[in-house]
Amino acid sequence: MIETITPQEVKERLANDETLYLIDVREDHEVQFGMIPGAVHIRMNDIPEKLDYFNEENEYIFVCRSGVRSENVCHYLQEQGLNVKNMVGGMLEWETE
């Protein structure tokens, strides 16, 4: 089971100056229209070769357009022993909040 977080919860945590590890897994052409401030862009297909970027102490929040790709990434990284959350609704929900 993958833990989830809503766009509203992410916004509240950012407003409280919490340090968040946000990873946007969308494609290059998608992120050029905007990203969550402070997010790091790592395309979904690049995640397996970027495992050295992650460590087990941090909680990572994954974002995509609608929440489906990021959920798949969460399943993969959870199997690698990482602490992950999926932002439900993705950027579609972020933009409507």
PDB file of N, CA and C in Angstrom:
ATOM      1  N   MET A   1       0.835  -1.188   0.000  1.00  0.00           N
ATOM      2  CA  MET A   1       0.000   0.000   0.000  1.00  0.00           C
ATOM      3  C   MET A   1       0.882   1.255   0.000  1.00  0.00           C
ATOM      4  N   ILE A   2       0.583   2.156  -0.886  1.00  0.00           N
ATOM      5  CA  ILE A   2       1.346   3.396  -1.008  1.00  0.00           C
ATOM      6  C   ILE A   2       0.635   4.497  -0.226  1.00  0.00           C
ATOM      7  N   GLU A   3       1.392   5.185   0.627  1.00  0.00           N
ATOM      8  CA  GLU A   3       0.827   6.331   1.335  1.00  0.00           C
ATOM      9  C   GLU A   3       0.590   7.457   0.335  1.00  0.00           C
ATOM     10  N   THR A   4      -0.431   8.255   0.603  1.00  0.00           N
ATOM     11  CA  THR A   4      -0.741   9.364  -0.287  1.00  0.00           C
ATOM     12  C   THR A   4      -0.730  10.683   0.486  1.00  0.00           C
ATOM     13  N   ILE A   5      -0.653  11.754  -0.284  1.00  0.00           N
ATOM     14  CA  ILE A   5      -0.734  13.103   0.248  1.00  0.00           C
ATOM     15  C   ILE A   5      -1.500  13.928  -0.784  1.00  0.00           C
ATOM     16  N   THR A   6      -2.306  14.850  -0.323  1.00  0.00           N
ATOM     17  CA  THR A   6      -3.074  15.675  -1.254  1.00  0.00           C
ATOM     18  C   THR A   6      -2.284  16.909  -1.646  1.00  0.00           C
ATOM     19  N   PRO A   7      -2.610  17.520  -2.782  1.00  0.00           N
ATOM     20  CA  PRO A   7      -1.956  18.780  -3.143  1.00  0.00           C
ATOM     21  C   PRO A   7      -2.127  19.837  -2.054  1.00  0.00           C
ATOM     22  N   GLN A   8      -3.295  19.876  -1.424  1.00  0.00           N
ATOM     23  CA  GLN A   8      -3.529  20.847  -0.353  1.00  0.00           C
ATOM     24  C   GLN A   8      -2.577  20.615   0.821  1.00  0.00           C
ATOM     25  N   GLU A   9      -2.354  19.360   1.172  1.00  0.00           N
ATOM     26  CA  GLU A   9      -1.420  19.044   2.267  1.00  0.00           C
ATOM     27  C   GLU A   9       0.001  19.458   1.901  1.00  0.00           C
ATOM     28  N   VAL A  10       0.395  19.245   0.639  1.00  0.00           N
ATOM     29  CA  VAL A  10       1.724  19.671   0.193  1.00  0.00           C
ATOM     30  C   VAL A  10       1.834  21.186   0.297  1.00  0.00           C
ATOM     31  N   LYS A  11       0.821  21.902  -0.156  1.00  0.00           N
ATOM     32  CA  LYS A  11       0.835  23.370  -0.088  1.00  0.00           C
ATOM     33  C   LYS A  11       0.941  23.853   1.354  1.00  0.00           C
ATOM     34  N   GLU A  12       0.213  23.214   2.257  1.00  0.00           N
ATOM     35  CA  GLU A  12       0.269  23.598   3.670  1.00  0.00           C
ATOM     36  C   GLU A  12       1.650  23.352   4.252  1.00  0.00           C
ATOM     37  N   ARG A  13       2.246  22.218   3.930  1.00  0.00           N
ATOM     38  CA  ARG A  13       3.580  21.906   4.442  1.00  0.00           C
ATOM     39  C   ARG A  13       4.619  22.863   3.879  1.00  0.00           C
ATOM     40  N   LEU A  14       4.484  23.229   2.618  1.00  0.00           N
ATOM     41  CA  LEU A  14       5.398  24.214   2.032  1.00  0.00           C
ATOM     42  C   LEU A  14       5.209  25.581   2.690  1.00  0.00           C
ATOM     43  N   ALA A  15       3.963  25.955   2.944  1.00  0.00           N
ATOM     44  CA  ALA A  15       3.669  27.239   3.594  1.00  0.00           C
ATOM     45  C   ALA A  15       4.245  27.298   5.002  1.00  0.00           C
ATOM     46  N   ASN A  16       4.383  26.133   5.648  1.00  0.00           N
ATOM     47  CA  ASN A  16       4.971  26.055   6.988  1.00  0.00           C
ATOM     48  C   ASN A  16       6.485  25.912   6.947  1.00  0.00           C
ATOM     49  N   ASP A  17       7.070  26.117   5.766  1.00  0.00           N
ATOM     50  CA  ASP A  17       8.529  26.044   5.565  1.00  0.00           C
ATOM     51  C   ASP A  17       9.123  24.683   5.904  1.00  0.00           C
ATOM     52  N   GLU A  18       8.317  23.626   5.743  1.00  0.00           N
ATOM     53  CA  GLU A  18       8.864  22.285   5.927  1.00  0.00           C
ATOM     54  C   GLU A  18       9.767  21.949   4.743  1.00  0.00           C
ATOM     55  N   THR A  19      10.806  21.193   5.015  1.00  0.00           N
ATOM     56  CA  THR A  19      11.662  20.703   3.938  1.00  0.00           C
ATOM     57  C   THR A  19      11.001  19.471   3.341  1.00  0.00           C
ATOM     58  N   LEU A  20      10.624  19.593   2.070  1.00  0.00           N
ATOM     59  CA  LEU A  20       9.990  18.471   1.380  1.00  0.00           C
ATOM     60  C   LEU A  20      10.895  18.008   0.252  1.00  0.00           C
ATOM     61  N   TYR A  21      10.902  16.722   0.033  1.00  0.00           N
ATOM     62  CA  TYR A  21      11.641  16.132  -1.076  1.00  0.00           C
ATOM     63  C   TYR A  21      10.623  15.754  -2.143  1.00  0.00           C
ATOM     64  N   LEU A  22      10.336  16.717  -3.012  1.00  0.00           N
ATOM     65  CA  LEU A  22       9.344  16.550  -4.075  1.00  0.00           C
ATOM     66  C   LEU A  22      10.049  16.141  -5.356  1.00  0.00           C
ATOM     67  N   ILE A  23       9.578  15.080  -5.970  1.00  0.00           N
ATOM     68  CA  ILE A  23      10.159  14.582  -7.213  1.00  0.00           C
ATOM     69  C   ILE A  23       9.064  14.560  -8.269  1.00  0.00           C
ATOM     70  N   ASP A  24       9.277  15.316  -9.335  1.00  0.00           N
ATOM     71  CA  ASP A  24       8.333  15.387 -10.450  1.00  0.00           C
ATOM     72  C   ASP A  24       8.809  14.405 -11.514  1.00  0.00           C
ATOM     73  N   VAL A  25       7.992  13.396 -11.809  1.00  0.00           N
ATOM     74  CA  VAL A  25       8.412  12.327 -12.720  1.00  0.00           C
ATOM     75  C   VAL A  25       7.843  12.484 -14.127  1.00  0.00           C
ATOM     76  N   ARG A  26       7.280  13.660 -14.423  1.00  0.00           N
ATOM     77  CA  ARG A  26       6.716  13.890 -15.758  1.00  0.00           C
ATOM     78  C   ARG A  26       7.822  14.027 -16.804  1.00  0.00           C
ATOM     79  N   GLU A  27       7.417  14.012 -18.049  1.00  0.00           N
ATOM     80  CA  GLU A  27       8.350  14.167 -19.167  1.00  0.00           C
ATOM     81  C   GLU A  27       8.774  15.634 -19.303  1.00  0.00           C
ATOM     82  N   ASP A  28       9.864  15.859 -20.027  1.00  0.00           N
ATOM     83  CA  ASP A  28      10.415  17.209 -20.200  1.00  0.00           C
ATOM     84  C   ASP A  28       9.373  18.185 -20.737  1.00  0.00           C
ATOM     85  N   HIS A  29       8.617  17.758 -21.739  1.00  0.00           N
ATOM     86  CA  HIS A  29       7.647  18.675 -22.348  1.00  0.00           C
ATOM     87  C   HIS A  29       6.506  19.022 -21.395  1.00  0.00           C
ATOM     88  N   GLU A  30       6.281  18.197 -20.374  1.00  0.00           N
ATOM     89  CA  GLU A  30       5.215  18.485 -19.407  1.00  0.00           C
ATOM     90  C   GLU A  30       5.668  19.489 -18.355  1.00  0.00           C
ATOM     91  N   VAL A  31       6.906  19.372 -17.895  1.00  0.00           N
ATOM     92  CA  VAL A  31       7.362  20.258 -16.825  1.00  0.00           C
ATOM     93  C   VAL A  31       7.649  21.672 -17.311  1.00  0.00           C
ATOM     94  N   GLN A  32       7.785  21.873 -18.604  1.00  0.00           N
ATOM     95  CA  GLN A  32       8.048  23.220 -19.094  1.00  0.00           C
ATOM     96  C   GLN A  32       6.856  24.147 -18.862  1.00  0.00           C
ATOM     97  N   PHE A  33       5.697  23.584 -18.533  1.00  0.00           N
ATOM     98  CA  PHE A  33       4.514  24.392 -18.231  1.00  0.00           C
ATOM     99  C   PHE A  33       4.414  24.723 -16.746  1.00  0.00           C
ATOM    100  N   GLY A  34       5.370  24.254 -15.966  1.00  0.00           N
ATOM    101  CA  GLY A  34       5.397  24.586 -14.551  1.00  0.00           C
ATOM    102  C   GLY A  34       5.574  23.382 -13.660  1.00  0.00           C
ATOM    103  N   MET A  35       6.232  23.647 -12.523  1.00  0.00           N
ATOM    104  CA  MET A  35       6.466  22.618 -11.516  1.00  0.00           C
ATOM    105  C   MET A  35       6.156  23.211 -10.146  1.00  0.00           C
ATOM    106  N   ILE A  36       6.010  22.353  -9.172  1.00  0.00           N
ATOM    107  CA  ILE A  36       5.855  22.803  -7.795  1.00  0.00           C
ATOM    108  C   ILE A  36       7.179  23.416  -7.359  1.00  0.00           C
ATOM    109  N   PRO A  37       7.157  24.590  -6.731  1.00  0.00           N
ATOM    110  CA  PRO A  37       8.406  25.214  -6.287  1.00  0.00           C
ATOM    111  C   PRO A  37       9.221  24.262  -5.404  1.00  0.00           C
ATOM    112  N   GLY A  38      10.487  24.132  -5.742  1.00  0.00           N
ATOM    113  CA  GLY A  38      11.390  23.274  -4.981  1.00  0.00           C
ATOM    114  C   GLY A  38      11.444  21.831  -5.443  1.00  0.00           C
ATOM    115  N   ALA A  39      10.566  21.443  -6.357  1.00  0.00           N
ATOM    116  CA  ALA A  39      10.572  20.056  -6.837  1.00  0.00           C
ATOM    117  C   ALA A  39      11.783  19.801  -7.724  1.00  0.00           C
ATOM    118  N   VAL A  40      12.212  18.555  -7.722  1.00  0.00           N
ATOM    119  CA  VAL A  40      13.310  18.098  -8.578  1.00  0.00           C
ATOM    120  C   VAL A  40      12.688  17.284  -9.703  1.00  0.00           C
ATOM    121  N   HIS A  41      13.150  17.516 -10.917  1.00  0.00           N
ATOM    122  CA  HIS A  41      12.609  16.793 -12.071  1.00  0.00           C
ATOM    123  C   HIS A  41      13.483  15.581 -12.385  1.00  0.00           C
ATOM    124  N   ILE A  42      12.916  14.396 -12.223  1.00  0.00           N
ATOM    125  CA  ILE A  42      13.559  13.145 -12.649  1.00  0.00           C
ATOM    126  C   ILE A  42      12.485  12.356 -13.392  1.00  0.00           C
ATOM    127  N   ARG A  43      12.632  12.241 -14.692  1.00  0.00           N
ATOM    128  CA  ARG A  43      11.620  11.517 -15.478  1.00  0.00           C
ATOM    129  C   ARG A  43      11.442  10.091 -14.964  1.00  0.00           C
ATOM    130  N   MET A  44      10.219   9.609 -15.060  1.00  0.00           N
ATOM    131  CA  MET A  44       9.893   8.279 -14.552  1.00  0.00           C
ATOM    132  C   MET A  44      10.868   7.220 -15.075  1.00  0.00           C
ATOM    133  N   ASN A  45      11.148   7.236 -16.363  1.00  0.00           N
ATOM    134  CA  ASN A  45      12.019   6.208 -16.943  1.00  0.00           C
ATOM    135  C   ASN A  45      13.468   6.322 -16.484  1.00  0.00           C
ATOM    136  N   ASP A  46      13.838   7.472 -15.902  1.00  0.00           N
ATOM    137  CA  ASP A  46      15.206   7.661 -15.419  1.00  0.00           C
ATOM    138  C   ASP A  46      15.387   7.248 -13.957  1.00  0.00           C
ATOM    139  N   ILE A  47      14.286   6.977 -13.264  1.00  0.00           N
ATOM    140  CA  ILE A  47      14.359   6.668 -11.830  1.00  0.00           C
ATOM    141  C   ILE A  47      15.302   5.488 -11.530  1.00  0.00           C
ATOM    142  N   PRO A  48      15.213   4.347 -12.241  1.00  0.00           N
ATOM    143  CA  PRO A  48      16.098   3.222 -11.886  1.00  0.00           C
ATOM    144  C   PRO A  48      17.583   3.565 -11.931  1.00  0.00           C
ATOM    145  N   GLU A  49      17.988   4.419 -12.853  1.00  0.00           N
ATOM    146  CA  GLU A  49      19.417   4.766 -12.927  1.00  0.00           C
ATOM    147  C   GLU A  49      19.787   5.911 -11.986  1.00  0.00           C
ATOM    148  N   LYS A  50      18.818   6.472 -11.280  1.00  0.00           N
ATOM    149  CA  LYS A  50      19.065   7.586 -10.352  1.00  0.00           C
ATOM    150  C   LYS A  50      18.892   7.153  -8.891  1.00  0.00           C
ATOM    151  N   LEU A  51      18.926   5.879  -8.613  1.00  0.00           N
ATOM    152  CA  LEU A  51      18.700   5.400  -7.251  1.00  0.00           C
ATOM    153  C   LEU A  51      19.686   5.990  -6.244  1.00  0.00           C
ATOM    154  N   ASP A  52      20.887   6.333  -6.689  1.00  0.00           N
ATOM    155  CA  ASP A  52      21.885   6.922  -5.791  1.00  0.00           C
ATOM    156  C   ASP A  52      21.440   8.283  -5.255  1.00  0.00           C
ATOM    157  N   TYR A  53      20.492   8.927  -5.928  1.00  0.00           N
ATOM    158  CA  TYR A  53      19.995  10.226  -5.497  1.00  0.00           C
ATOM    159  C   TYR A  53      19.217  10.114  -4.181  1.00  0.00           C
ATOM    160  N   PHE A  54      18.588   8.988  -3.959  1.00  0.00           N
ATOM    161  CA  PHE A  54      17.679   8.805  -2.832  1.00  0.00           C
ATOM    162  C   PHE A  54      18.383   8.171  -1.637  1.00  0.00           C
ATOM    163  N   ASN A  55      17.901   8.494  -0.424  1.00  0.00           N
ATOM    164  CA  ASN A  55      18.386   7.798   0.762  1.00  0.00           C
ATOM    165  C   ASN A  55      17.205   7.409   1.647  1.00  0.00           C
ATOM    166  N   GLU A  56      17.425   6.470   2.524  1.00  0.00           N
ATOM    167  CA  GLU A  56      16.341   5.886   3.310  1.00  0.00           C
ATOM    168  C   GLU A  56      15.843   6.796   4.431  1.00  0.00           C
ATOM    169  N   GLU A  57      16.600   7.849   4.770  1.00  0.00           N
ATOM    170  CA  GLU A  57      16.188   8.725   5.868  1.00  0.00           C
ATOM    171  C   GLU A  57      15.092   9.707   5.463  1.00  0.00           C
ATOM    172  N   ASN A  58      15.027  10.061   4.198  1.00  0.00           N
ATOM    173  CA  ASN A  58      14.085  11.081   3.739  1.00  0.00           C
ATOM    174  C   ASN A  58      12.764  10.477   3.283  1.00  0.00           C
ATOM    175  N   GLU A  59      11.722  11.292   3.383  1.00  0.00           N
ATOM    176  CA  GLU A  59      10.421  10.947   2.807  1.00  0.00           C
ATOM    177  C   GLU A  59      10.329  11.679   1.467  1.00  0.00           C
ATOM    178  N   TYR A  60      10.055  10.939   0.410  1.00  0.00           N
ATOM    179  CA  TYR A  60       9.964  11.518  -0.926  1.00  0.00           C
ATOM    180  C   TYR A  60       8.507  11.548  -1.370  1.00  0.00           C
ATOM    181  N   ILE A  61       8.115  12.691  -1.907  1.00  0.00           N
ATOM    182  CA  ILE A  61       6.761  12.863  -2.427  1.00  0.00           C
ATOM    183  C   ILE A  61       6.863  12.912  -3.942  1.00  0.00           C
ATOM    184  N   PHE A  62       6.161  12.012  -4.614  1.00  0.00           N
ATOM    185  CA  PHE A  62       6.240  11.914  -6.067  1.00  0.00           C
ATOM    186  C   PHE A  62       5.013  12.518  -6.721  1.00  0.00           C
ATOM    187  N   VAL A  63       5.271  13.218  -7.826  1.00  0.00           N
ATOM    188  CA  VAL A  63       4.254  13.992  -8.527  1.00  0.00           C
ATOM    189  C   VAL A  63       4.321  13.679 -10.014  1.00  0.00           C
ATOM    190  N   CYS A  64       3.152  13.571 -10.644  1.00  0.00           N
ATOM    191  CA  CYS A  64       3.078  13.511 -12.108  1.00  0.00           C
ATOM    192  C   CYS A  64       1.855  14.311 -12.531  1.00  0.00           C
ATOM    193  N   ARG A  65       1.347  14.063 -13.704  1.00  0.00           N
ATOM    194  CA  ARG A  65       0.205  14.845 -14.186  1.00  0.00           C
ATOM    195  C   ARG A  65      -1.067  14.526 -13.402  1.00  0.00           C
ATOM    196  N   SER A  66      -1.361  13.219 -13.241  1.00  0.00           N
ATOM    197  CA  SER A  66      -2.618  12.848 -12.593  1.00  0.00           C
ATOM    198  C   SER A  66      -2.448  11.973 -11.353  1.00  0.00           C
ATOM    199  N   GLY A  67      -1.249  11.476 -11.110  1.00  0.00           N
ATOM    200  CA  GLY A  67      -0.994  10.623  -9.946  1.00  0.00           C
ATOM    201  C   GLY A  67      -0.783   9.165 -10.265  1.00  0.00           C
ATOM    202  N   VAL A  68      -0.931   8.773 -11.528  1.00  0.00           N
ATOM    203  CA  VAL A  68      -0.788   7.359 -11.899  1.00  0.00           C
ATOM    204  C   VAL A  68       0.689   6.972 -12.052  1.00  0.00           C
ATOM    205  N   ARG A  69       1.427   7.731 -12.838  1.00  0.00           N
ATOM    206  CA  ARG A  69       2.854   7.414 -13.025  1.00  0.00           C
ATOM    207  C   ARG A  69       3.609   7.515 -11.706  1.00  0.00           C
ATOM    208  N   SER A  70       3.293   8.552 -10.936  1.00  0.00           N
ATOM    209  CA  SER A  70       3.988   8.726  -9.657  1.00  0.00           C
ATOM    210  C   SER A  70       3.666   7.571  -8.704  1.00  0.00           C
ATOM    211  N   GLU A  71       2.457   7.043  -8.769  1.00  0.00           N
ATOM    212  CA  GLU A  71       2.135   5.885  -7.931  1.00  0.00           C
ATOM    213  C   GLU A  71       2.964   4.675  -8.344  1.00  0.00           C
ATOM    214  N   ASN A  72       3.146   4.477  -9.646  1.00  0.00           N
ATOM    215  CA  ASN A  72       3.986   3.372 -10.120  1.00  0.00           C
ATOM    216  C   ASN A  72       5.423   3.527  -9.636  1.00  0.00           C
ATOM    217  N   VAL A  73       5.936   4.746  -9.683  1.00  0.00           N
ATOM    218  CA  VAL A  73       7.290   5.012  -9.191  1.00  0.00           C
ATOM    219  C   VAL A  73       7.361   4.709  -7.695  1.00  0.00           C
ATOM    220  N   CYS A  74       6.330   5.098  -6.958  1.00  0.00           N
ATOM    221  CA  CYS A  74       6.298   4.824  -5.515  1.00  0.00           C
ATOM    222  C   CYS A  74       6.361   3.330  -5.227  1.00  0.00           C
ATOM    223  N   HIS A  75       5.612   2.529  -5.975  1.00  0.00           N
ATOM    224  CA  HIS A  75       5.659   1.074  -5.789  1.00  0.00           C
ATOM    225  C   HIS A  75       7.085   0.568  -5.995  1.00  0.00           C
ATOM    226  N   TYR A  76       7.723   1.010  -7.063  1.00  0.00           N
ATOM    227  CA  TYR A  76       9.079   0.568  -7.370  1.00  0.00           C
ATOM    228  C   TYR A  76      10.052   0.966  -6.253  1.00  0.00           C
ATOM    229  N   LEU A  77       9.993   2.230  -5.836  1.00  0.00           N
ATOM    230  CA  LEU A  77      10.960   2.711  -4.842  1.00  0.00           C
ATOM    231  C   LEU A  77      10.665   2.166  -3.446  1.00  0.00           C
ATOM    232  N   GLN A  78       9.407   1.899  -3.162  1.00  0.00           N
ATOM    233  CA  GLN A  78       9.080   1.278  -1.874  1.00  0.00           C
ATOM    234  C   GLN A  78       9.710  -0.112  -1.813  1.00  0.00           C
ATOM    235  N   GLU A  79       9.716  -0.821  -2.933  1.00  0.00           N
ATOM    236  CA  GLU A  79      10.370  -2.136  -2.994  1.00  0.00           C
ATOM    237  C   GLU A  79      11.876  -2.014  -2.779  1.00  0.00           C
ATOM    238  N   GLN A  80      12.437  -0.831  -3.058  1.00  0.00           N
ATOM    239  CA  GLN A  80      13.866  -0.597  -2.853  1.00  0.00           C
ATOM    240  C   GLN A  80      14.148  -0.156  -1.414  1.00  0.00           C
ATOM    241  N   GLY A  81      13.102  -0.063  -0.594  1.00  0.00           N
ATOM    242  CA  GLY A  81      13.281   0.291   0.812  1.00  0.00           C
ATOM    243  C   GLY A  81      13.159   1.770   1.128  1.00  0.00           C
ATOM    244  N   LEU A  82      12.615   2.555   0.202  1.00  0.00           N
ATOM    245  CA  LEU A  82      12.515   3.998   0.423  1.00  0.00           C
ATOM    246  C   LEU A  82      11.158   4.390   0.999  1.00  0.00           C
ATOM    247  N   ASN A  83      11.150   5.525   1.688  1.00  0.00           N
ATOM    248  CA  ASN A  83       9.945   6.095   2.287  1.00  0.00           C
ATOM    249  C   ASN A  83       9.316   7.029   1.253  1.00  0.00           C
ATOM    250  N   VAL A  84       8.184   6.647   0.703  1.00  0.00           N
ATOM    251  CA  VAL A  84       7.589   7.382  -0.414  1.00  0.00           C
ATOM    252  C   VAL A  84       6.122   7.702  -0.158  1.00  0.00           C
ATOM    253  N   LYS A  85       5.677   8.798  -0.781  1.00  0.00           N
ATOM    254  CA  LYS A  85       4.256   9.166  -0.806  1.00  0.00           C
ATOM    255  C   LYS A  85       3.917   9.605  -2.214  1.00  0.00           C
ATOM    256  N   ASN A  86       2.681   9.337  -2.599  1.00  0.00           N
ATOM    257  CA  ASN A  86       2.196   9.751  -3.911  1.00  0.00           C
ATOM    258  C   ASN A  86       1.245  10.929  -3.730  1.00  0.00           C
ATOM    259  N   MET A  87       1.468  12.003  -4.506  1.00  0.00           N
ATOM    260  CA  MET A  87       0.551  13.130  -4.466  1.00  0.00           C
ATOM    261  C   MET A  87      -0.638  12.794  -5.361  1.00  0.00           C
ATOM    262  N   VAL A  88      -1.765  12.496  -4.727  1.00  0.00           N
ATOM    263  CA  VAL A  88      -2.964  12.085  -5.459  1.00  0.00           C
ATOM    264  C   VAL A  88      -3.507  13.249  -6.286  1.00  0.00           C
ATOM    265  N   GLY A  89      -3.946  12.923  -7.481  1.00  0.00           N
ATOM    266  CA  GLY A  89      -4.488  13.954  -8.362  1.00  0.00           C
ATOM    267  C   GLY A  89      -3.441  14.681  -9.175  1.00  0.00           C
ATOM    268  N   GLY A  90      -2.181  14.554  -8.773  1.00  0.00           N
ATOM    269  CA  GLY A  90      -1.076  15.136  -9.516  1.00  0.00           C
ATOM    270  C   GLY A  90      -1.201  16.629  -9.763  1.00  0.00           C
ATOM    271  N   MET A  91      -0.540  17.069 -10.828  1.00  0.00           N
ATOM    272  CA  MET A  91      -0.530  18.487 -11.159  1.00  0.00           C
ATOM    273  C   MET A  91      -1.899  18.976 -11.609  1.00  0.00           C
ATOM    274  N   LEU A  92      -2.747  18.080 -12.080  1.00  0.00           N
ATOM    275  CA  LEU A  92      -4.108  18.499 -12.439  1.00  0.00           C
ATOM    276  C   LEU A  92      -4.831  19.041 -11.205  1.00  0.00           C
ATOM    277  N   GLU A  93      -4.661  18.365 -10.073  1.00  0.00           N
ATOM    278  CA  GLU A  93      -5.275  18.832  -8.828  1.00  0.00           C
ATOM    279  C   GLU A  93      -4.531  20.030  -8.256  1.00  0.00           C
ATOM    280  N   TRP A  94      -3.208  20.029  -8.377  1.00  0.00           N
ATOM    281  CA  TRP A  94      -2.398  21.140  -7.861  1.00  0.00           C
ATOM    282  C   TRP A  94      -2.855  22.453  -8.482  1.00  0.00           C
ATOM    283  N   GLU A  95      -3.087  22.435  -9.781  1.00  0.00           N
ATOM    284  CA  GLU A  95      -3.435  23.648 -10.501  1.00  0.00           C
ATOM    285  C   GLU A  95      -4.848  24.127 -10.193  1.00  0.00           C
ATOM    286  N   THR A  96      -5.723  23.219  -9.732  1.00  0.00           N
ATOM    287  CA  THR A  96      -7.091  23.631  -9.438  1.00  0.00           C
ATOM    288  C   THR A  96      -7.282  24.029  -7.988  1.00  0.00           C
ATOM    289  N   GLU A  97      -6.291  23.742  -7.145  1.00  0.00           N
ATOM    290  CA  GLU A  97      -6.393  24.077  -5.715  1.00  0.00           C
ATOM    291  C   GLU A  97      -6.354  25.573  -5.515  1.00  0.00           C
TER     292      GLU A  97
END
